[in-house]
């Protein structure tokens, strides 16, 4: 995509964010939890706790994707501390409250589950037709171009085809999960696929009109996905739904190379992370670091320092 085309077709970024340590948020969630002890477990807390990594996500977009028009941060009556007061550097950043994207569906608020929120992000006011969805633990680590995400106005999908768990013998015997793969499978089944296109933890190029058309025609599917305050194994990932819709309509491009470096466990020694980041990241565009709140302090300090240097 040329610079001229980028001007004609603006691209926005969307990020979900929550500060689980906020006392107001803790008070809001407690009435909906049957077992209050559960709310203190690491497994539960890691979905809400953060180490201010969103600052690096936003800084990485500003540095390595300057063509992004607006960065919409979707929150629940919260604002990241580094944005108060907002500096001129962050003029592109727009805070969008849950009440805005759930307009006319406020009965389903408050919600503590990313899937309903992701289902509603296409309803952000003035959102560009073309937008890139980031989790707050996704980072750009090298200069990107618009056509890394959209080619001829169509999304570029990174992933691979996999069988459903129900078609794999050893997985049939396991208890159903509500994880990343299972909710992608739910999306594919919903659209009649016999296998699913598994995407990884990279930024997701999406089109607003893809969501609008499908949910306008399938209102009950929309409602069923936004009505769960906490994760439910009947839900689907909206990104997976959009991807499979684009595949079904032949309105996408495929890219085998994920161009991704991804960490989700921090049990290895520090030198391993140094080696991966400094020697193996040169050809990568994206870095994903899941659950940094669970990272040991020494490793966390190094990772955040590395990010700080990279994106500033």
Protein backbone atom coordinates (compact mmCIF):
# COMPACT_ATOMS: atom_id res chain seq x y z
CA UNK A 1 0.00 0.00 0.00
CA UNK A 2 1.43 3.34 -0.97
CA UNK A 3 1.52 6.41 1.19
CA UNK A 4 -1.24 7.90 -0.96
CA UNK A 5 -3.47 4.85 -0.44
CA UNK A 6 -2.85 5.01 3.30
CA UNK A 7 -4.20 8.57 3.31
CA UNK A 8 -7.31 7.41 1.47
CA UNK A 9 -7.79 4.44 3.79
CA UNK A 10 -6.88 5.42 7.36
CA UNK A 11 -5.88 2.74 9.83
CA UNK A 12 -6.64 2.92 13.55
CA UNK A 13 -5.35 0.83 16.44
CA UNK A 14 -7.48 -0.55 19.29
CA UNK A 15 -6.17 -1.78 22.65
CA UNK A 16 -8.10 -3.22 25.61
CA UNK A 17 -6.74 -2.31 29.04
CA UNK A 18 -7.60 -2.86 32.66
CA UNK A 19 -5.78 -2.05 35.89
CA UNK A 20 -6.73 -4.91 38.16
CA UNK A 21 -4.93 -3.33 41.12
CA UNK A 22 -7.32 -0.38 41.10
CA UNK A 23 -9.40 -0.57 44.29
CA UNK A 24 -12.50 0.60 42.44
CA UNK A 25 -12.14 -2.24 39.95
CA UNK A 26 -11.60 -4.77 42.75
CA UNK A 27 -14.76 -3.56 44.47
CA UNK A 28 -16.70 -3.75 41.21
CA UNK A 29 -15.76 -7.36 40.51
CA UNK A 30 -16.31 -8.87 43.98
CA UNK A 31 -20.15 -8.98 43.94
CA UNK A 32 -20.02 -11.23 40.87
CA UNK A 33 -17.56 -13.78 42.28
CA UNK A 34 -19.04 -16.69 44.22
CA UNK A 35 -15.72 -17.64 45.81
CA UNK A 36 -13.85 -14.54 47.01
CA UNK A 37 -10.71 -16.60 47.59
CA UNK A 38 -10.58 -17.25 43.85
CA UNK A 39 -10.19 -13.52 43.25
CA UNK A 40 -6.82 -13.61 45.02
CA UNK A 41 -5.30 -16.51 43.08
CA UNK A 42 -2.57 -15.88 40.51
CA UNK A 43 -4.51 -17.67 37.79
CA UNK A 44 -7.46 -15.32 38.29
CA UNK A 45 -5.48 -12.13 38.95
CA UNK A 46 -3.25 -12.42 35.88
CA UNK A 47 -6.21 -11.61 33.59
CA UNK A 48 -6.49 -8.19 35.23
CA UNK A 49 -3.12 -7.28 36.72
CA UNK A 50 -0.57 -5.32 34.71
CA UNK A 51 2.92 -3.79 34.91
CA UNK A 52 2.17 -0.71 32.79
CA UNK A 53 3.13 -2.60 29.64
CA UNK A 54 0.47 -0.69 27.70
CA UNK A 55 2.83 2.29 27.65
CA UNK A 56 5.28 0.25 25.61
CA UNK A 57 2.50 -1.00 23.35
CA UNK A 58 1.46 2.57 22.57
CA UNK A 59 5.03 3.84 22.28
CA UNK A 60 5.83 0.99 19.88
CA UNK A 61 2.87 1.92 17.66
CA UNK A 62 3.87 5.58 17.61
CA UNK A 63 7.45 4.71 16.68
CA UNK A 64 7.07 1.76 14.33
CA UNK A 65 3.63 2.46 12.80
CA UNK A 66 3.45 6.26 12.43
CA UNK A 67 0.74 5.87 9.76
CA UNK A 68 -1.77 4.86 12.47
CA UNK A 69 -4.41 7.60 12.63
CA UNK A 70 -5.87 7.08 16.11
CA UNK A 71 -5.13 4.72 19.01
CA UNK A 72 -8.31 3.81 20.90
CA UNK A 73 -7.79 2.43 24.41
CA UNK A 74 -10.94 0.70 25.66
CA UNK A 75 -11.26 0.75 29.47
CA UNK A 76 -13.74 0.54 32.33
CA UNK A 77 -13.71 3.97 33.98
CA UNK A 78 -9.91 3.95 34.03
CA UNK A 79 -7.05 5.79 32.34
CA UNK A 80 -3.42 4.61 32.27
CA UNK A 81 -1.37 6.80 34.60
CA UNK A 82 1.13 7.93 31.97
CA UNK A 83 -1.76 9.53 30.05
CA UNK A 84 -2.79 11.81 32.94
CA UNK A 85 -2.21 14.52 32.11
CA UNK A 86 -1.85 13.64 28.44
CA UNK A 87 1.36 14.81 26.78
CA UNK A 88 1.45 16.04 23.19
CA UNK A 89 3.27 12.83 22.26
CA UNK A 90 0.00 10.98 22.89
CA UNK A 91 -2.37 13.22 20.94
CA UNK A 92 -3.43 10.22 18.88
CA UNK A 93 -4.59 8.30 21.96
CA UNK A 94 -8.30 8.22 22.72
CA UNK A 95 -9.81 6.65 25.89
CA UNK A 96 -13.08 4.83 25.16
CA UNK A 97 -15.20 3.61 28.08
CA UNK A 98 -17.03 0.28 28.12
CA UNK A 99 -20.30 2.22 28.39
CA UNK A 100 -19.64 3.69 24.95
CA UNK A 101 -19.04 0.43 23.07
CA UNK A 102 -21.89 -1.26 25.01
CA UNK A 103 -24.33 1.57 24.27
CA UNK A 104 -27.90 0.16 24.31
CA UNK A 105 -26.52 -3.04 25.88
CA UNK A 106 -25.53 -1.60 29.26
CA UNK A 107 -27.43 -4.40 31.01
CA UNK A 108 -24.40 -6.61 30.34
CA UNK A 109 -22.09 -4.28 32.25
CA UNK A 110 -19.91 -4.48 34.20
CA UNK A 111 -17.99 -7.14 32.31
CA UNK A 112 -14.70 -8.80 33.31
CA UNK A 113 -14.19 -10.85 30.18
CA UNK A 114 -12.29 -9.63 27.12
CA UNK A 115 -14.48 -11.50 24.62
CA UNK A 116 -17.64 -9.38 24.99
CA UNK A 117 -15.49 -6.24 24.85
CA UNK A 118 -13.73 -7.47 21.71
CA UNK A 119 -17.14 -8.24 20.24
CA UNK A 120 -18.13 -4.59 20.74
CA UNK A 121 -14.98 -2.74 19.65
CA UNK A 122 -16.27 -2.26 16.11
CA UNK A 123 -18.82 0.10 17.75
CA UNK A 124 -16.13 2.61 18.80
CA UNK A 125 -17.29 6.04 17.54
CA UNK A 126 -15.39 7.25 14.46
CA UNK A 127 -13.41 4.00 14.24
CA UNK A 128 -11.67 3.60 10.88
CA UNK A 129 -12.91 0.87 8.54
CA UNK A 130 -9.43 -0.65 8.76
CA UNK A 131 -8.11 -1.15 12.26
CA UNK A 132 -5.50 -3.23 14.06
CA UNK A 133 -6.40 -4.85 17.36
CA UNK A 134 -3.64 -5.13 19.94
CA UNK A 135 -3.63 -6.79 23.34
CA UNK A 136 -1.72 -4.68 25.84
CA UNK A 137 1.07 -7.27 25.80
CA UNK A 138 1.68 -6.95 22.03
CA UNK A 139 4.57 -4.75 20.89
CA UNK A 140 5.96 -3.65 17.55
CA UNK A 141 9.74 -3.99 17.58
CA UNK A 142 10.63 -2.96 14.04
CA UNK A 143 9.35 -0.50 11.47
CA UNK A 144 6.13 -1.70 9.87
CA UNK A 145 4.24 -0.71 6.72
CA UNK A 146 0.49 -0.56 6.19
CA UNK A 147 0.69 -3.57 3.87
CA UNK A 148 2.08 -5.67 6.71
CA UNK A 149 -1.55 -5.59 7.89
CA UNK A 150 -3.73 -4.69 4.90
CA UNK A 151 -3.04 -5.44 1.24
CA UNK A 152 -5.29 -3.80 -1.37
CA UNK A 153 -7.62 -2.93 1.49
CA UNK A 154 -7.91 -6.54 2.72
CA UNK A 155 -6.52 -7.99 5.97
CA UNK A 156 -3.29 -10.01 5.99
CA UNK A 157 -3.82 -13.11 8.15
CA UNK A 158 -0.96 -14.86 9.93
CA UNK A 159 -1.54 -18.42 11.10
CA UNK A 160 -2.11 -21.98 9.94
CA UNK A 161 -4.92 -24.49 9.46
CA UNK A 162 -5.51 -27.00 12.26
CA UNK A 163 -7.97 -29.78 13.02
CA UNK A 164 -10.69 -29.29 15.60
CA UNK A 165 -9.90 -30.83 18.99
CA UNK A 166 -12.92 -33.12 18.52
CA UNK A 167 -11.15 -34.63 15.50
CA UNK A 168 -7.99 -35.44 17.50
CA UNK A 169 -8.35 -38.64 19.53
CA UNK A 170 -6.34 -37.73 22.63
CA UNK A 171 -8.01 -34.32 22.91
CA UNK A 172 -11.51 -35.82 22.81
CA UNK A 173 -10.94 -37.27 26.27
CA UNK A 174 -9.95 -33.97 27.87
CA UNK A 175 -12.29 -31.58 29.66
CA UNK A 176 -13.40 -28.75 27.30
CA UNK A 177 -11.28 -25.62 27.70
CA UNK A 178 -12.00 -21.94 27.22
CA UNK A 179 -8.54 -21.12 25.93
CA UNK A 180 -7.18 -19.33 22.87
CA UNK A 181 -7.54 -22.30 20.49
CA UNK A 182 -10.97 -23.49 21.64
CA UNK A 183 -12.61 -20.10 21.11
CA UNK A 184 -11.14 -19.90 17.62
CA UNK A 185 -12.64 -23.32 16.92
CA UNK A 186 -16.03 -22.04 18.12
CA UNK A 187 -15.81 -19.20 15.60
CA UNK A 188 -14.95 -21.55 12.76
CA UNK A 189 -17.76 -23.97 13.63
CA UNK A 190 -20.24 -21.11 13.77
CA UNK A 191 -19.48 -20.38 10.11
CA UNK A 192 -19.56 -24.01 8.98
CA UNK A 193 -15.84 -24.76 8.67
CA UNK A 194 -14.49 -28.31 9.09
CA UNK A 195 -11.12 -27.10 10.40
CA UNK A 196 -9.96 -23.76 11.72
CA UNK A 197 -7.40 -21.10 10.88
CA UNK A 198 -5.37 -20.76 14.04
CA UNK A 199 -3.94 -17.30 14.61
CA UNK A 200 -1.21 -16.49 17.10
CA UNK A 201 -0.45 -13.56 19.40
CA UNK A 202 0.26 -10.98 16.74
CA UNK A 203 -1.64 -7.72 16.11
CA UNK A 204 -4.89 -8.47 14.28
CA UNK A 205 -5.93 -6.50 11.16
CA UNK A 206 -9.72 -6.20 11.12
CA UNK A 207 -12.43 -4.45 9.11
CA UNK A 208 -15.32 -2.69 10.82
CA UNK A 209 -17.74 -3.52 8.02
CA UNK A 210 -17.07 -7.25 8.44
CA UNK A 211 -18.41 -7.10 12.00
CA UNK A 212 -21.24 -4.71 11.16
CA UNK A 213 -22.63 -6.84 8.35
CA UNK A 214 -22.45 -10.12 10.26
CA UNK A 215 -23.83 -8.89 13.57
CA UNK A 216 -26.61 -6.88 11.88
CA UNK A 217 -27.72 -10.13 10.27
CA UNK A 218 -27.06 -12.31 13.35
CA UNK A 219 -28.11 -10.27 16.37
CA UNK A 220 -28.60 -13.35 18.57
CA UNK A 221 -24.96 -14.38 17.98
CA UNK A 222 -23.85 -10.93 19.10
CA UNK A 223 -25.98 -11.07 22.27
CA UNK A 224 -24.85 -14.58 23.17
CA UNK A 225 -21.21 -13.51 23.01
CA UNK A 226 -21.53 -10.33 25.09
CA UNK A 227 -23.78 -11.62 27.88
CA UNK A 228 -21.10 -13.45 29.89
CA UNK A 229 -19.38 -11.38 32.59
CA UNK A 230 -16.67 -14.04 32.85
CA UNK A 231 -15.31 -16.45 30.28
CA UNK A 232 -17.64 -19.17 29.07
CA UNK A 233 -16.77 -22.14 26.87
CA UNK A 234 -19.63 -21.34 24.47
CA UNK A 235 -18.05 -18.04 23.44
CA UNK A 236 -15.98 -17.38 20.34
CA UNK A 237 -13.15 -14.99 19.71
CA UNK A 238 -14.37 -12.07 17.57
CA UNK A 239 -10.98 -11.89 15.83
CA UNK A 240 -11.39 -15.53 14.86
CA UNK A 241 -14.91 -14.85 13.62
CA UNK A 242 -13.69 -11.96 11.47
CA UNK A 243 -10.80 -14.02 10.11
CA UNK A 244 -13.06 -16.89 9.11
CA UNK A 245 -15.58 -14.52 7.57
CA UNK A 246 -12.81 -12.97 5.46
CA UNK A 247 -11.60 -16.45 4.48
CA UNK A 248 -15.14 -17.56 3.57
CA UNK A 249 -15.63 -14.44 1.47
CA UNK A 250 -12.15 -14.68 -0.08
CA UNK A 251 -11.41 -11.16 1.15
CA UNK A 252 -8.01 -11.66 2.78
CA UNK A 253 -4.40 -12.55 2.16
CA UNK A 254 -2.39 -15.23 3.97
CA UNK A 255 1.13 -14.88 5.32
CA UNK A 256 2.93 -17.96 6.63
CA UNK A 257 5.69 -16.06 8.42
CA UNK A 258 4.32 -14.86 11.75
CA UNK A 259 7.28 -12.49 12.19
CA UNK A 260 6.69 -12.99 15.89
CA UNK A 261 8.74 -13.55 19.03
CA UNK A 262 6.52 -14.73 21.87
CA UNK A 263 7.12 -15.33 25.57
CA UNK A 264 4.46 -16.78 27.86
CA UNK A 265 6.61 -18.42 30.52
CA UNK A 266 9.49 -16.88 32.41
CA UNK A 267 11.13 -19.97 33.90
CA UNK A 268 14.30 -19.88 31.82
CA UNK A 269 17.50 -18.13 33.00
CA UNK A 270 18.01 -14.46 32.23
CA UNK A 271 20.72 -15.06 29.61
CA UNK A 272 18.19 -16.99 27.49
CA UNK A 273 15.91 -13.92 27.21
CA UNK A 274 18.90 -11.71 26.44
CA UNK A 275 19.96 -14.06 23.67
CA UNK A 276 16.47 -14.29 22.16
CA UNK A 277 15.85 -10.54 22.23
CA UNK A 278 19.27 -9.40 21.04
CA UNK A 279 20.18 -12.16 18.58
CA UNK A 280 16.93 -13.69 17.37
CA UNK A 281 14.60 -10.70 17.08
CA UNK A 282 16.23 -8.99 14.09
CA UNK A 283 13.77 -10.34 11.51
CA UNK A 284 10.71 -10.05 13.74
CA UNK A 285 8.09 -7.33 13.60
CA UNK A 286 6.17 -8.34 16.70
CA UNK A 287 6.90 -9.25 20.29
CA UNK A 288 4.30 -10.81 22.57
CA UNK A 289 4.93 -11.18 26.30
CA UNK A 290 1.98 -12.75 28.06
CA UNK A 291 1.34 -12.36 31.81
CA UNK A 292 4.28 -10.12 32.61
CA UNK A 293 2.77 -9.67 36.07
CA UNK A 294 3.92 -13.24 36.79
CA UNK A 295 7.48 -12.61 35.59
CA UNK A 296 10.30 -12.86 38.20
CA UNK A 297 11.57 -9.36 39.16
CA UNK A 298 15.07 -9.68 37.68
CA UNK A 299 13.82 -10.89 34.32
CA UNK A 300 10.96 -8.38 34.31
CA UNK A 301 13.35 -5.51 34.93
CA UNK A 302 15.48 -6.58 31.97
CA UNK A 303 12.49 -7.08 29.62
CA UNK A 304 10.99 -3.70 30.42
CA UNK A 305 14.37 -1.97 30.09
CA UNK A 306 14.88 -3.66 26.70
CA UNK A 307 11.44 -2.48 25.58
CA UNK A 308 12.08 1.04 26.84
CA UNK A 309 15.21 1.33 24.73
CA UNK A 310 13.57 -0.27 21.71
CA UNK A 311 10.48 1.90 21.48
CA UNK A 312 11.89 5.27 22.56
